[in-house]
Amino acid sequence: MTLSLAMITIDTADALPLARWWAEQTGGSIVAENEGWFVTVALGDGQPMLAFQQVEDPTPGKNRIHLDVTTADRETEVRRLIAAGATLIAEREMPGLSWTTLAVPNGNQFCVADAADHS
């Protein structure tokens, strides 16, 4: 028996705006709102869903899980994400891989790498 990743859930103080932001950035669609307390975003066939769960007390400090996304043109995509409200945290590099760390409007961090680096 093996496990399949079905959903990545992120705790937040305000689930619906964060779900809308990620849906816009990924080309996904909100498929359930549940009165704003648990919002799910479908990313497409074969991809896990994203979920945003409203909690009274999100984990303080640096988020314990973050999303890593890839793109064919990292520089252009990073500019687009910043224009959409993300904040640049750092440009990072190690042998064979470079990426950009950003934060979404509520502060959770995520990373953007070139798709070629992940092939």
PDB file of N, CA and C in Angstrom:
ATOM      1  N   MET A   1       0.841  -1.175   0.000  1.00  0.00           N
ATOM      2  CA  MET A   1       0.000   0.000   0.000  1.00  0.00           C
ATOM      3  C   MET A   1       0.887   1.240   0.000  1.00  0.00           C
ATOM      4  N   THR A   2       0.483   2.286  -0.734  1.00  0.00           N
ATOM      5  CA  THR A   2       1.202   3.550  -0.756  1.00  0.00           C
ATOM      6  C   THR A   2       0.234   4.684  -0.491  1.00  0.00           C
ATOM      7  N   LEU A   3       0.776   5.805  -0.128  1.00  0.00           N
ATOM      8  CA  LEU A   3      -0.037   7.002   0.098  1.00  0.00           C
ATOM      9  C   LEU A   3       0.003   7.893  -1.128  1.00  0.00           C
ATOM     10  N   SER A   4      -1.072   8.598  -1.373  1.00  0.00           N
ATOM     11  CA  SER A   4      -1.126   9.590  -2.440  1.00  0.00           C
ATOM     12  C   SER A   4      -1.448  10.938  -1.825  1.00  0.00           C
ATOM     13  N   LEU A   5      -0.728  11.952  -2.227  1.00  0.00           N
ATOM     14  CA  LEU A   5      -0.972  13.289  -1.712  1.00  0.00           C
ATOM     15  C   LEU A   5      -2.231  13.842  -2.357  1.00  0.00           C
ATOM     16  N   ALA A   6      -3.239  14.143  -1.546  1.00  0.00           N
ATOM     17  CA  ALA A   6      -4.524  14.617  -2.053  1.00  0.00           C
ATOM     18  C   ALA A   6      -4.730  16.107  -1.808  1.00  0.00           C
ATOM     19  N   MET A   7      -4.239  16.613  -0.667  1.00  0.00           N
ATOM     20  CA  MET A   7      -4.513  17.995  -0.312  1.00  0.00           C
ATOM     21  C   MET A   7      -3.415  18.524   0.602  1.00  0.00           C
ATOM     22  N   ILE A   8      -3.077  19.776   0.402  1.00  0.00           N
ATOM     23  CA  ILE A   8      -2.154  20.483   1.284  1.00  0.00           C
ATOM     24  C   ILE A   8      -2.988  21.547   1.977  1.00  0.00           C
ATOM     25  N   THR A   9      -3.052  21.498   3.317  1.00  0.00           N
ATOM     26  CA  THR A   9      -3.900  22.407   4.079  1.00  0.00           C
ATOM     27  C   THR A   9      -3.042  23.404   4.843  1.00  0.00           C
ATOM     28  N   ILE A  10      -3.420  24.665   4.748  1.00  0.00           N
ATOM     29  CA  ILE A  10      -2.685  25.739   5.395  1.00  0.00           C
ATOM     30  C   ILE A  10      -3.610  26.426   6.397  1.00  0.00           C
ATOM     31  N   ASP A  11      -3.174  26.524   7.647  1.00  0.00           N
ATOM     32  CA  ASP A  11      -3.926  27.245   8.671  1.00  0.00           C
ATOM     33  C   ASP A  11      -3.722  28.747   8.473  1.00  0.00           C
ATOM     34  N   THR A  12      -4.776  29.508   8.667  1.00  0.00           N
ATOM     35  CA  THR A  12      -4.711  30.953   8.478  1.00  0.00           C
ATOM     36  C   THR A  12      -5.807  31.621   9.291  1.00  0.00           C
ATOM     37  N   ALA A  13      -5.627  32.890   9.568  1.00  0.00           N
ATOM     38  CA  ALA A  13      -6.655  33.645  10.289  1.00  0.00           C
ATOM     39  C   ALA A  13      -7.800  34.062   9.369  1.00  0.00           C
ATOM     40  N   ASP A  14      -7.586  34.042   8.053  1.00  0.00           N
ATOM     41  CA  ASP A  14      -8.603  34.501   7.103  1.00  0.00           C
ATOM     42  C   ASP A  14      -8.505  33.659   5.832  1.00  0.00           C
ATOM     43  N   ALA A  15      -9.217  32.560   5.788  1.00  0.00           N
ATOM     44  CA  ALA A  15      -9.050  31.537   4.749  1.00  0.00           C
ATOM     45  C   ALA A  15      -9.450  31.983   3.346  1.00  0.00           C
ATOM     46  N   LEU A  16     -10.565  32.653   3.204  1.00  0.00           N
ATOM     47  CA  LEU A  16     -11.067  32.950   1.865  1.00  0.00           C
ATOM     48  C   LEU A  16     -10.151  33.871   1.055  1.00  0.00           C
ATOM     49  N   PRO A  17      -9.667  34.987   1.613  1.00  0.00           N
ATOM     50  CA  PRO A  17      -8.763  35.832   0.810  1.00  0.00           C
ATOM     51  C   PRO A  17      -7.481  35.105   0.402  1.00  0.00           C
ATOM     52  N   LEU A  18      -6.941  34.298   1.293  1.00  0.00           N
ATOM     53  CA  LEU A  18      -5.716  33.560   0.964  1.00  0.00           C
ATOM     54  C   LEU A  18      -5.989  32.516  -0.113  1.00  0.00           C
ATOM     55  N   ALA A  19      -7.117  31.837  -0.038  1.00  0.00           N
ATOM     56  CA  ALA A  19      -7.493  30.860  -1.067  1.00  0.00           C
ATOM     57  C   ALA A  19      -7.682  31.553  -2.414  1.00  0.00           C
ATOM     58  N   ARG A  20      -8.324  32.699  -2.403  1.00  0.00           N
ATOM     59  CA  ARG A  20      -8.509  33.454  -3.656  1.00  0.00           C
ATOM     60  C   ARG A  20      -7.168  33.843  -4.257  1.00  0.00           C
ATOM     61  N   TRP A  21      -6.234  34.286  -3.409  1.00  0.00           N
ATOM     62  CA  TRP A  21      -4.909  34.691  -3.895  1.00  0.00           C
ATOM     63  C   TRP A  21      -4.213  33.516  -4.563  1.00  0.00           C
ATOM     64  N   TRP A  22      -4.186  32.360  -3.899  1.00  0.00           N
ATOM     65  CA  TRP A  22      -3.518  31.192  -4.487  1.00  0.00           C
ATOM     66  C   TRP A  22      -4.251  30.687  -5.723  1.00  0.00           C
ATOM     67  N   ALA A  23      -5.560  30.739  -5.750  1.00  0.00           N
ATOM     68  CA  ALA A  23      -6.305  30.322  -6.942  1.00  0.00           C
ATOM     69  C   ALA A  23      -5.920  31.202  -8.128  1.00  0.00           C
ATOM     70  N   GLU A  24      -5.826  32.497  -7.906  1.00  0.00           N
ATOM     71  CA  GLU A  24      -5.430  33.411  -8.982  1.00  0.00           C
ATOM     72  C   GLU A  24      -4.016  33.131  -9.464  1.00  0.00           C
ATOM     73  N   GLN A  25      -3.100  32.871  -8.539  1.00  0.00           N
ATOM     74  CA  GLN A  25      -1.698  32.695  -8.913  1.00  0.00           C
ATOM     75  C   GLN A  25      -1.441  31.366  -9.626  1.00  0.00           C
ATOM     76  N   THR A  26      -2.217  30.352  -9.316  1.00  0.00           N
ATOM     77  CA  THR A  26      -1.980  29.018  -9.889  1.00  0.00           C
ATOM     78  C   THR A  26      -2.917  28.675 -11.038  1.00  0.00           C
ATOM     79  N   GLY A  27      -3.886  29.540 -11.325  1.00  0.00           N
ATOM     80  CA  GLY A  27      -4.875  29.199 -12.338  1.00  0.00           C
ATOM     81  C   GLY A  27      -5.863  28.166 -11.833  1.00  0.00           C
ATOM     82  N   GLY A  28      -5.909  27.994 -10.512  1.00  0.00           N
ATOM     83  CA  GLY A  28      -6.837  27.051  -9.894  1.00  0.00           C
ATOM     84  C   GLY A  28      -8.208  27.674  -9.720  1.00  0.00           C
ATOM     85  N   SER A  29      -9.104  26.891  -9.137  1.00  0.00           N
ATOM     86  CA  SER A  29     -10.447  27.409  -8.894  1.00  0.00           C
ATOM     87  C   SER A  29     -10.929  26.965  -7.517  1.00  0.00           C
ATOM     88  N   ILE A  30     -11.632  27.870  -6.862  1.00  0.00           N
ATOM     89  CA  ILE A  30     -12.216  27.545  -5.564  1.00  0.00           C
ATOM     90  C   ILE A  30     -13.392  26.613  -5.814  1.00  0.00           C
ATOM     91  N   VAL A  31     -13.358  25.449  -5.175  1.00  0.00           N
ATOM     92  CA  VAL A  31     -14.418  24.461  -5.392  1.00  0.00           C
ATOM     93  C   VAL A  31     -15.330  24.309  -4.181  1.00  0.00           C
ATOM     94  N   ALA A  32     -14.916  24.826  -3.017  1.00  0.00           N
ATOM     95  CA  ALA A  32     -15.762  24.800  -1.824  1.00  0.00           C
ATOM     96  C   ALA A  32     -15.330  25.936  -0.906  1.00  0.00           C
ATOM     97  N   GLU A  33     -16.317  26.667  -0.378  1.00  0.00           N
ATOM     98  CA  GLU A  33     -16.003  27.781   0.520  1.00  0.00           C
ATOM     99  C   GLU A  33     -16.353  27.496   1.969  1.00  0.00           C
ATOM    100  N   ASN A  34     -17.323  26.660   2.232  1.00  0.00           N
ATOM    101  CA  ASN A  34     -17.703  26.288   3.597  1.00  0.00           C
ATOM    102  C   ASN A  34     -17.782  27.490   4.526  1.00  0.00           C
ATOM    103  N   GLU A  35     -18.502  28.520   4.085  1.00  0.00           N
ATOM    104  CA  GLU A  35     -18.720  29.741   4.862  1.00  0.00           C
ATOM    105  C   GLU A  35     -17.410  30.412   5.277  1.00  0.00           C
ATOM    106  N   GLY A  36     -16.361  30.230   4.477  1.00  0.00           N
ATOM    107  CA  GLY A  36     -15.093  30.902   4.709  1.00  0.00           C
ATOM    108  C   GLY A  36     -14.175  30.265   5.728  1.00  0.00           C
ATOM    109  N   TRP A  37     -14.590  29.209   6.392  1.00  0.00           N
ATOM    110  CA  TRP A  37     -13.725  28.622   7.413  1.00  0.00           C
ATOM    111  C   TRP A  37     -12.857  27.487   6.867  1.00  0.00           C
ATOM    112  N   PHE A  38     -13.236  26.874   5.757  1.00  0.00           N
ATOM    113  CA  PHE A  38     -12.414  25.843   5.117  1.00  0.00           C
ATOM    114  C   PHE A  38     -12.643  25.954   3.617  1.00  0.00           C
ATOM    115  N   VAL A  39     -11.664  26.476   2.910  1.00  0.00           N
ATOM    116  CA  VAL A  39     -11.805  26.771   1.489  1.00  0.00           C
ATOM    117  C   VAL A  39     -10.846  25.883   0.706  1.00  0.00           C
ATOM    118  N   THR A  40     -11.351  25.222  -0.336  1.00  0.00           N
ATOM    119  CA  THR A  40     -10.494  24.340  -1.133  1.00  0.00           C
ATOM    120  C   THR A  40     -10.333  24.886  -2.547  1.00  0.00           C
ATOM    121  N   VAL A  41      -9.129  24.697  -3.066  1.00  0.00           N
ATOM    122  CA  VAL A  41      -8.771  25.157  -4.400  1.00  0.00           C
ATOM    123  C   VAL A  41      -8.307  23.949  -5.214  1.00  0.00           C
ATOM    124  N   ALA A  42      -8.965  23.709  -6.339  1.00  0.00           N
ATOM    125  CA  ALA A  42      -8.558  22.635  -7.251  1.00  0.00           C
ATOM    126  C   ALA A  42      -7.523  23.195  -8.213  1.00  0.00           C
ATOM    127  N   LEU A  43      -6.434  22.462  -8.394  1.00  0.00           N
ATOM    128  CA  LEU A  43      -5.352  22.900  -9.271  1.00  0.00           C
ATOM    129  C   LEU A  43      -5.371  22.199 -10.621  1.00  0.00           C
ATOM    130  N   GLY A  44      -6.141  21.155 -10.757  1.00  0.00           N
ATOM    131  CA  GLY A  44      -6.216  20.440 -12.028  1.00  0.00           C
ATOM    132  C   GLY A  44      -6.005  18.956 -11.846  1.00  0.00           C
ATOM    133  N   ASP A  45      -6.297  18.213 -12.888  1.00  0.00           N
ATOM    134  CA  ASP A  45      -6.175  16.751 -12.840  1.00  0.00           C
ATOM    135  C   ASP A  45      -4.775  16.318 -12.436  1.00  0.00           C
ATOM    136  N   GLY A  46      -4.722  15.358 -11.531  1.00  0.00           N
ATOM    137  CA  GLY A  46      -3.454  14.784 -11.110  1.00  0.00           C
ATOM    138  C   GLY A  46      -2.679  15.614 -10.110  1.00  0.00           C
ATOM    139  N   GLN A  47      -3.181  16.771  -9.736  1.00  0.00           N
ATOM    140  CA  GLN A  47      -2.486  17.619  -8.768  1.00  0.00           C
ATOM    141  C   GLN A  47      -3.247  17.615  -7.445  1.00  0.00           C
ATOM    142  N   PRO A  48      -2.532  17.738  -6.344  1.00  0.00           N
ATOM    143  CA  PRO A  48      -3.243  17.815  -5.060  1.00  0.00           C
ATOM    144  C   PRO A  48      -4.030  19.113  -4.976  1.00  0.00           C
ATOM    145  N   MET A  49      -5.024  19.122  -4.131  1.00  0.00           N
ATOM    146  CA  MET A  49      -5.786  20.347  -3.883  1.00  0.00           C
ATOM    147  C   MET A  49      -5.070  21.160  -2.813  1.00  0.00           C
ATOM    148  N   LEU A  50      -5.352  22.449  -2.797  1.00  0.00           N
ATOM    149  CA  LEU A  50      -4.912  23.311  -1.711  1.00  0.00           C
ATOM    150  C   LEU A  50      -6.127  23.603  -0.849  1.00  0.00           C
ATOM    151  N   ALA A  51      -5.936  23.619   0.450  1.00  0.00           N
ATOM    152  CA  ALA A  51      -7.027  23.964   1.355  1.00  0.00           C
ATOM    153  C   ALA A  51      -6.520  25.014   2.332  1.00  0.00           C
ATOM    154  N   PHE A  52      -7.418  25.897   2.717  1.00  0.00           N
ATOM    155  CA  PHE A  52      -7.095  26.971   3.640  1.00  0.00           C
ATOM    156  C   PHE A  52      -8.107  26.920   4.763  1.00  0.00           C
ATOM    157  N   GLN A  53      -7.613  26.650   5.952  1.00  0.00           N
ATOM    158  CA  GLN A  53      -8.460  26.409   7.118  1.00  0.00           C
ATOM    159  C   GLN A  53      -8.332  27.572   8.082  1.00  0.00           C
ATOM    160  N   GLN A  54      -9.459  28.223   8.366  1.00  0.00           N
ATOM    161  CA  GLN A  54      -9.445  29.332   9.302  1.00  0.00           C
ATOM    162  C   GLN A  54      -9.335  28.799  10.721  1.00  0.00           C
ATOM    163  N   VAL A  55      -8.335  29.282  11.436  1.00  0.00           N
ATOM    164  CA  VAL A  55      -8.133  28.895  12.828  1.00  0.00           C
ATOM    165  C   VAL A  55      -7.970  30.169  13.661  1.00  0.00           C
ATOM    166  N   GLU A  56      -8.337  30.083  14.908  1.00  0.00           N
ATOM    167  CA  GLU A  56      -8.235  31.252  15.786  1.00  0.00           C
ATOM    168  C   GLU A  56      -6.793  31.642  16.070  1.00  0.00           C
ATOM    169  N   ASP A  57      -5.914  30.650  16.125  1.00  0.00           N
ATOM    170  CA  ASP A  57      -4.534  30.911  16.522  1.00  0.00           C
ATOM    171  C   ASP A  57      -3.567  30.199  15.572  1.00  0.00           C
ATOM    172  N   PRO A  58      -3.306  30.784  14.376  1.00  0.00           N
ATOM    173  CA  PRO A  58      -2.344  30.146  13.469  1.00  0.00           C
ATOM    174  C   PRO A  58      -0.983  30.028  14.137  1.00  0.00           C
ATOM    175  N   THR A  59      -0.223  29.044  13.742  1.00  0.00           N
ATOM    176  CA  THR A  59       1.106  28.835  14.308  1.00  0.00           C
ATOM    177  C   THR A  59       1.934  30.107  14.157  1.00  0.00           C
ATOM    178  N   PRO A  60       2.459  30.639  15.253  1.00  0.00           N
ATOM    179  CA  PRO A  60       3.257  31.867  15.158  1.00  0.00           C
ATOM    180  C   PRO A  60       4.644  31.581  14.581  1.00  0.00           C
ATOM    181  N   GLY A  61       5.288  32.631  14.101  1.00  0.00           N
ATOM    182  CA  GLY A  61       6.645  32.483  13.582  1.00  0.00           C
ATOM    183  C   GLY A  61       6.654  31.960  12.156  1.00  0.00           C
ATOM    184  N   LYS A  62       7.803  31.494  11.731  1.00  0.00           N
ATOM    185  CA  LYS A  62       7.967  30.985  10.377  1.00  0.00           C
ATOM    186  C   LYS A  62       7.062  29.779  10.177  1.00  0.00           C
ATOM    187  N   ASN A  63       6.394  29.752   9.010  1.00  0.00           N
ATOM    188  CA  ASN A  63       5.491  28.637   8.753  1.00  0.00           C
ATOM    189  C   ASN A  63       6.254  27.312   8.734  1.00  0.00           C
ATOM    190  N   ARG A  64       5.604  26.259   9.218  1.00  0.00           N
ATOM    191  CA  ARG A  64       6.259  24.958   9.336  1.00  0.00           C
ATOM    192  C   ARG A  64       6.198  24.154   8.054  1.00  0.00           C
ATOM    193  N   ILE A  65       5.368  24.530   7.133  1.00  0.00           N
ATOM    194  CA  ILE A  65       5.294  23.892   5.827  1.00  0.00           C
ATOM    195  C   ILE A  65       5.113  25.001   4.806  1.00  0.00           C
ATOM    196  N   HIS A  66       5.727  24.838   3.658  1.00  0.00           N
ATOM    197  CA  HIS A  66       5.537  25.843   2.614  1.00  0.00           C
ATOM    198  C   HIS A  66       5.448  25.161   1.264  1.00  0.00           C
ATOM    199  N   LEU A  67       4.937  25.895   0.297  1.00  0.00           N
ATOM    200  CA  LEU A  67       4.809  25.368  -1.051  1.00  0.00           C
ATOM    201  C   LEU A  67       6.053  25.706  -1.855  1.00  0.00           C
ATOM    202  N   ASP A  68       6.502  24.762  -2.664  1.00  0.00           N
ATOM    203  CA  ASP A  68       7.540  24.985  -3.656  1.00  0.00           C
ATOM    204  C   ASP A  68       6.867  24.863  -5.005  1.00  0.00           C
ATOM    205  N   VAL A  69       6.957  25.901  -5.814  1.00  0.00           N
ATOM    206  CA  VAL A  69       6.352  25.881  -7.139  1.00  0.00           C
ATOM    207  C   VAL A  69       7.448  26.082  -8.179  1.00  0.00           C
ATOM    208  N   THR A  70       7.183  25.634  -9.396  1.00  0.00           N
ATOM    209  CA  THR A  70       8.143  25.798 -10.477  1.00  0.00           C
ATOM    210  C   THR A  70       7.498  26.547 -11.635  1.00  0.00           C
ATOM    211  N   THR A  71       8.336  27.124 -12.464  1.00  0.00           N
ATOM    212  CA  THR A  71       7.869  27.886 -13.622  1.00  0.00           C
ATOM    213  C   THR A  71       8.956  27.869 -14.691  1.00  0.00           C
ATOM    214  N   ALA A  72       8.557  28.090 -15.925  1.00  0.00           N
ATOM    215  CA  ALA A  72       9.513  28.120 -17.034  1.00  0.00           C
ATOM    216  C   ALA A  72      10.326  29.410 -17.051  1.00  0.00           C
ATOM    217  N   ASP A  73       9.821  30.484 -16.434  1.00  0.00           N
ATOM    218  CA  ASP A  73      10.505  31.779 -16.441  1.00  0.00           C
ATOM    219  C   ASP A  73      10.392  32.390 -15.042  1.00  0.00           C
ATOM    220  N   ARG A  74      11.320  32.015 -14.179  1.00  0.00           N
ATOM    221  CA  ARG A  74      11.242  32.420 -12.774  1.00  0.00           C
ATOM    222  C   ARG A  74      11.260  33.936 -12.603  1.00  0.00           C
ATOM    223  N   GLU A  75      12.128  34.629 -13.305  1.00  0.00           N
ATOM    224  CA  GLU A  75      12.236  36.080 -13.149  1.00  0.00           C
ATOM    225  C   GLU A  75      10.909  36.778 -13.466  1.00  0.00           C
ATOM    226  N   THR A  76      10.294  36.410 -14.562  1.00  0.00           N
ATOM    227  CA  THR A  76       9.007  37.007 -14.944  1.00  0.00           C
ATOM    228  C   THR A  76       7.924  36.650 -13.945  1.00  0.00           C
ATOM    229  N   GLU A  77       7.893  35.392 -13.519  1.00  0.00           N
ATOM    230  CA  GLU A  77       6.867  34.944 -12.582  1.00  0.00           C
ATOM    231  C   GLU A  77       7.020  35.614 -11.224  1.00  0.00           C
ATOM    232  N   VAL A  78       8.247  35.789 -10.765  1.00  0.00           N
ATOM    233  CA  VAL A  78       8.482  36.466  -9.483  1.00  0.00           C
ATOM    234  C   VAL A  78       7.997  37.911  -9.562  1.00  0.00           C
ATOM    235  N   ARG A  79       8.275  38.597 -10.665  1.00  0.00           N
ATOM    236  CA  ARG A  79       7.774  39.979 -10.829  1.00  0.00           C
ATOM    237  C   ARG A  79       6.249  40.000 -10.787  1.00  0.00           C
ATOM    238  N   ARG A  80       5.611  39.037 -11.453  1.00  0.00           N
ATOM    239  CA  ARG A  80       4.148  38.973 -11.466  1.00  0.00           C
ATOM    240  C   ARG A  80       3.602  38.737 -10.064  1.00  0.00           C
ATOM    241  N   LEU A  81       4.213  37.808  -9.329  1.00  0.00           N
ATOM    242  CA  LEU A  81       3.759  37.493  -7.974  1.00  0.00           C
ATOM    243  C   LEU A  81       3.912  38.694  -7.038  1.00  0.00           C
ATOM    244  N   ILE A  82       5.003  39.426  -7.166  1.00  0.00           N
ATOM    245  CA  ILE A  82       5.200  40.621  -6.352  1.00  0.00           C
ATOM    246  C   ILE A  82       4.141  41.667  -6.701  1.00  0.00           C
ATOM    247  N   ALA A  83       3.845  41.828  -7.974  1.00  0.00           N
ATOM    248  CA  ALA A  83       2.796  42.760  -8.384  1.00  0.00           C
ATOM    249  C   ALA A  83       1.432  42.352  -7.837  1.00  0.00           C
ATOM    250  N   ALA A  84       1.249  41.030  -7.613  1.00  0.00           N
ATOM    251  CA  ALA A  84      -0.019  40.522  -7.085  1.00  0.00           C
ATOM    252  C   ALA A  84      -0.078  40.567  -5.561  1.00  0.00           C
ATOM    253  N   GLY A  85       0.977  41.068  -4.907  1.00  0.00           N
ATOM    254  CA  GLY A  85       0.942  41.228  -3.460  1.00  0.00           C
ATOM    255  C   GLY A  85       1.944  40.411  -2.669  1.00  0.00           C
ATOM    256  N   ALA A  86       2.730  39.567  -3.332  1.00  0.00           N
ATOM    257  CA  ALA A  86       3.766  38.799  -2.615  1.00  0.00           C
ATOM    258  C   ALA A  86       4.920  39.731  -2.248  1.00  0.00           C
ATOM    259  N   THR A  87       5.697  39.328  -1.255  1.00  0.00           N
ATOM    260  CA  THR A  87       6.864  40.087  -0.814  1.00  0.00           C
ATOM    261  C   THR A  87       8.114  39.250  -1.035  1.00  0.00           C
ATOM    262  N   LEU A  88       9.140  39.856  -1.599  1.00  0.00           N
ATOM    263  CA  LEU A  88      10.414  39.170  -1.800  1.00  0.00           C
ATOM    264  C   LEU A  88      11.114  38.984  -0.456  1.00  0.00           C
ATOM    265  N   ILE A  89      11.478  37.742  -0.156  1.00  0.00           N
ATOM    266  CA  ILE A  89      12.227  37.449   1.062  1.00  0.00           C
ATOM    267  C   ILE A  89      13.709  37.305   0.738  1.00  0.00           C
ATOM    268  N   ALA A  90      14.032  36.466  -0.273  1.00  0.00           N
ATOM    269  CA  ALA A  90      15.441  36.255  -0.612  1.00  0.00           C
ATOM    270  C   ALA A  90      15.580  35.510  -1.930  1.00  0.00           C
ATOM    271  N   GLU A  91      16.713  35.736  -2.578  1.00  0.00           N
ATOM    272  CA  GLU A  91      17.147  34.914  -3.704  1.00  0.00           C
ATOM    273  C   GLU A  91      18.123  33.907  -3.110  1.00  0.00           C
ATOM    274  N   ARG A  92      17.958  32.637  -3.448  1.00  0.00           N
ATOM    275  CA  ARG A  92      18.784  31.591  -2.836  1.00  0.00           C
ATOM    276  C   ARG A  92      19.394  30.709  -3.918  1.00  0.00           C
ATOM    277  N   GLU A  93      20.508  30.073  -3.559  1.00  0.00           N
ATOM    278  CA  GLU A  93      21.193  29.235  -4.531  1.00  0.00           C
ATOM    279  C   GLU A  93      22.020  28.168  -3.826  1.00  0.00           C
ATOM    280  N   MET A  94      22.076  27.013  -4.459  1.00  0.00           N
ATOM    281  CA  MET A  94      22.974  25.938  -4.051  1.00  0.00           C
ATOM    282  C   MET A  94      23.395  25.239  -5.339  1.00  0.00           C
ATOM    283  N   PRO A  95      24.398  24.409  -5.336  1.00  0.00           N
ATOM    284  CA  PRO A  95      24.826  23.780  -6.580  1.00  0.00           C
ATOM    285  C   PRO A  95      23.665  23.072  -7.291  1.00  0.00           C
ATOM    286  N   GLY A  96      23.418  23.473  -8.530  1.00  0.00           N
ATOM    287  CA  GLY A  96      22.390  22.841  -9.345  1.00  0.00           C
ATOM    288  C   GLY A  96      20.976  23.347  -9.126  1.00  0.00           C
ATOM    289  N   LEU A  97      20.770  24.306  -8.224  1.00  0.00           N
ATOM    290  CA  LEU A  97      19.418  24.780  -7.941  1.00  0.00           C
ATOM    291  C   LEU A  97      19.462  26.219  -7.436  1.00  0.00           C
ATOM    292  N   SER A  98      18.617  27.050  -8.011  1.00  0.00           N
ATOM    293  CA  SER A  98      18.429  28.407  -7.488  1.00  0.00           C
ATOM    294  C   SER A  98      16.936  28.648  -7.398  1.00  0.00           C
ATOM    295  N   TRP A  99      16.539  29.475  -6.433  1.00  0.00           N
ATOM    296  CA  TRP A  99      15.120  29.727  -6.222  1.00  0.00           C
ATOM    297  C   TRP A  99      14.928  31.063  -5.526  1.00  0.00           C
ATOM    298  N   THR A 100      13.690  31.511  -5.544  1.00  0.00           N
ATOM    299  CA  THR A 100      13.309  32.764  -4.902  1.00  0.00           C
ATOM    300  C   THR A 100      12.317  32.448  -3.794  1.00  0.00           C
ATOM    301  N   THR A 101      12.563  32.980  -2.611  1.00  0.00           N
ATOM    302  CA  THR A 101      11.625  32.831  -1.508  1.00  0.00           C
ATOM    303  C   THR A 101      10.790  34.100  -1.420  1.00  0.00           C
ATOM    304  N   LEU A 102       9.482  33.914  -1.414  1.00  0.00           N
ATOM    305  CA  LEU A 102       8.520  35.010  -1.330  1.00  0.00           C
ATOM    306  C   LEU A 102       7.592  34.757  -0.144  1.00  0.00           C
ATOM    307  N   ALA A 103       6.826  35.756   0.219  1.00  0.00           N
ATOM    308  CA  ALA A 103       5.773  35.596   1.224  1.00  0.00           C
ATOM    309  C   ALA A 103       4.460  36.066   0.617  1.00  0.00           C
ATOM    310  N   VAL A 104       3.398  35.326   0.866  1.00  0.00           N
ATOM    311  CA  VAL A 104       2.071  35.724   0.405  1.00  0.00           C
ATOM    312  C   VAL A 104       1.591  36.891   1.272  1.00  0.00           C
ATOM    313  N   PRO A 105       0.491  37.546   0.898  1.00  0.00           N
ATOM    314  CA  PRO A 105       0.037  38.707   1.670  1.00  0.00           C
ATOM    315  C   PRO A 105      -0.154  38.456   3.171  1.00  0.00           C
ATOM    316  N   ASN A 106      -0.455  37.224   3.600  1.00  0.00           N
ATOM    317  CA  ASN A 106      -0.615  36.994   5.041  1.00  0.00           C
ATOM    318  C   ASN A 106       0.692  36.605   5.721  1.00  0.00           C
ATOM    319  N   GLY A 107       1.803  36.558   4.968  1.00  0.00           N
ATOM    320  CA  GLY A 107       3.114  36.305   5.553  1.00  0.00           C
ATOM    321  C   GLY A 107       3.680  34.907   5.357  1.00  0.00           C
ATOM    322  N   ASN A 108       2.866  33.902   5.003  1.00  0.00           N
ATOM    323  CA  ASN A 108       3.404  32.563   4.770  1.00  0.00           C
ATOM    324  C   ASN A 108       4.376  32.590   3.603  1.00  0.00           C
ATOM    325  N   GLN A 109       5.494  31.911   3.768  1.00  0.00           N
ATOM    326  CA  GLN A 109       6.507  31.898   2.727  1.00  0.00           C
ATOM    327  C   GLN A 109       6.299  30.740   1.756  1.00  0.00           C
ATOM    328  N   PHE A 110       6.771  30.929   0.521  1.00  0.00           N
ATOM    329  CA  PHE A 110       6.790  29.883  -0.497  1.00  0.00           C
ATOM    330  C   PHE A 110       7.976  30.135  -1.405  1.00  0.00           C
ATOM    331  N   CYS A 111       8.345  29.135  -2.185  1.00  0.00           N
ATOM    332  CA  CYS A 111       9.520  29.234  -3.038  1.00  0.00           C
ATOM    333  C   CYS A 111       9.157  29.004  -4.493  1.00  0.00           C
ATOM    334  N   VAL A 112       9.846  29.731  -5.375  1.00  0.00           N
ATOM    335  CA  VAL A 112       9.651  29.609  -6.814  1.00  0.00           C
ATOM    336  C   VAL A 112      10.994  29.230  -7.421  1.00  0.00           C
ATOM    337  N   ALA A 113      11.022  28.128  -8.163  1.00  0.00           N
ATOM    338  CA  ALA A 113      12.236  27.669  -8.829  1.00  0.00           C
ATOM    339  C   ALA A 113      11.958  27.490 -10.318  1.00  0.00           C
ATOM    340  N   ASP A 114      13.028  27.415 -11.087  1.00  0.00           N
ATOM    341  CA  ASP A 114      12.892  27.138 -12.515  1.00  0.00           C
ATOM    342  C   ASP A 114      12.489  25.696 -12.704  1.00  0.00           C
ATOM    343  N   ALA A 115      11.532  25.452 -13.610  1.00  0.00           N
ATOM    344  CA  ALA A 115      11.061  24.105 -13.877  1.00  0.00           C
ATOM    345  C   ALA A 115      12.216  23.196 -14.310  1.00  0.00           C
ATOM    346  N   ALA A 116      13.167  23.736 -15.049  1.00  0.00           N
ATOM    347  CA  ALA A 116      14.309  22.941 -15.520  1.00  0.00           C
ATOM    348  C   ALA A 116      15.151  22.394 -14.369  1.00  0.00           C
ATOM    349  N   ASP A 117      15.161  23.117 -13.236  1.00  0.00           N
ATOM    350  CA  ASP A 117      15.934  22.670 -12.075  1.00  0.00           C
ATOM    351  C   ASP A 117      15.308  21.460 -11.401  1.00  0.00           C
ATOM    352  N   HIS A 118      14.052  21.177 -11.707  1.00  0.00           N
ATOM    353  CA  HIS A 118      13.328  20.086 -11.047  1.00  0.00           C
ATOM    354  C   HIS A 118      13.051  18.914 -11.973  1.00  0.00           C
ATOM    355  N   SER A 119      13.687  18.881 -13.132  1.00  0.00           N
ATOM    356  CA  SER A 119      13.391  17.786 -14.058  1.00  0.00           C
ATOM    357  C   SER A 119      14.250  16.573 -13.796  1.00  0.00           C
TER     358      SER A 119
END
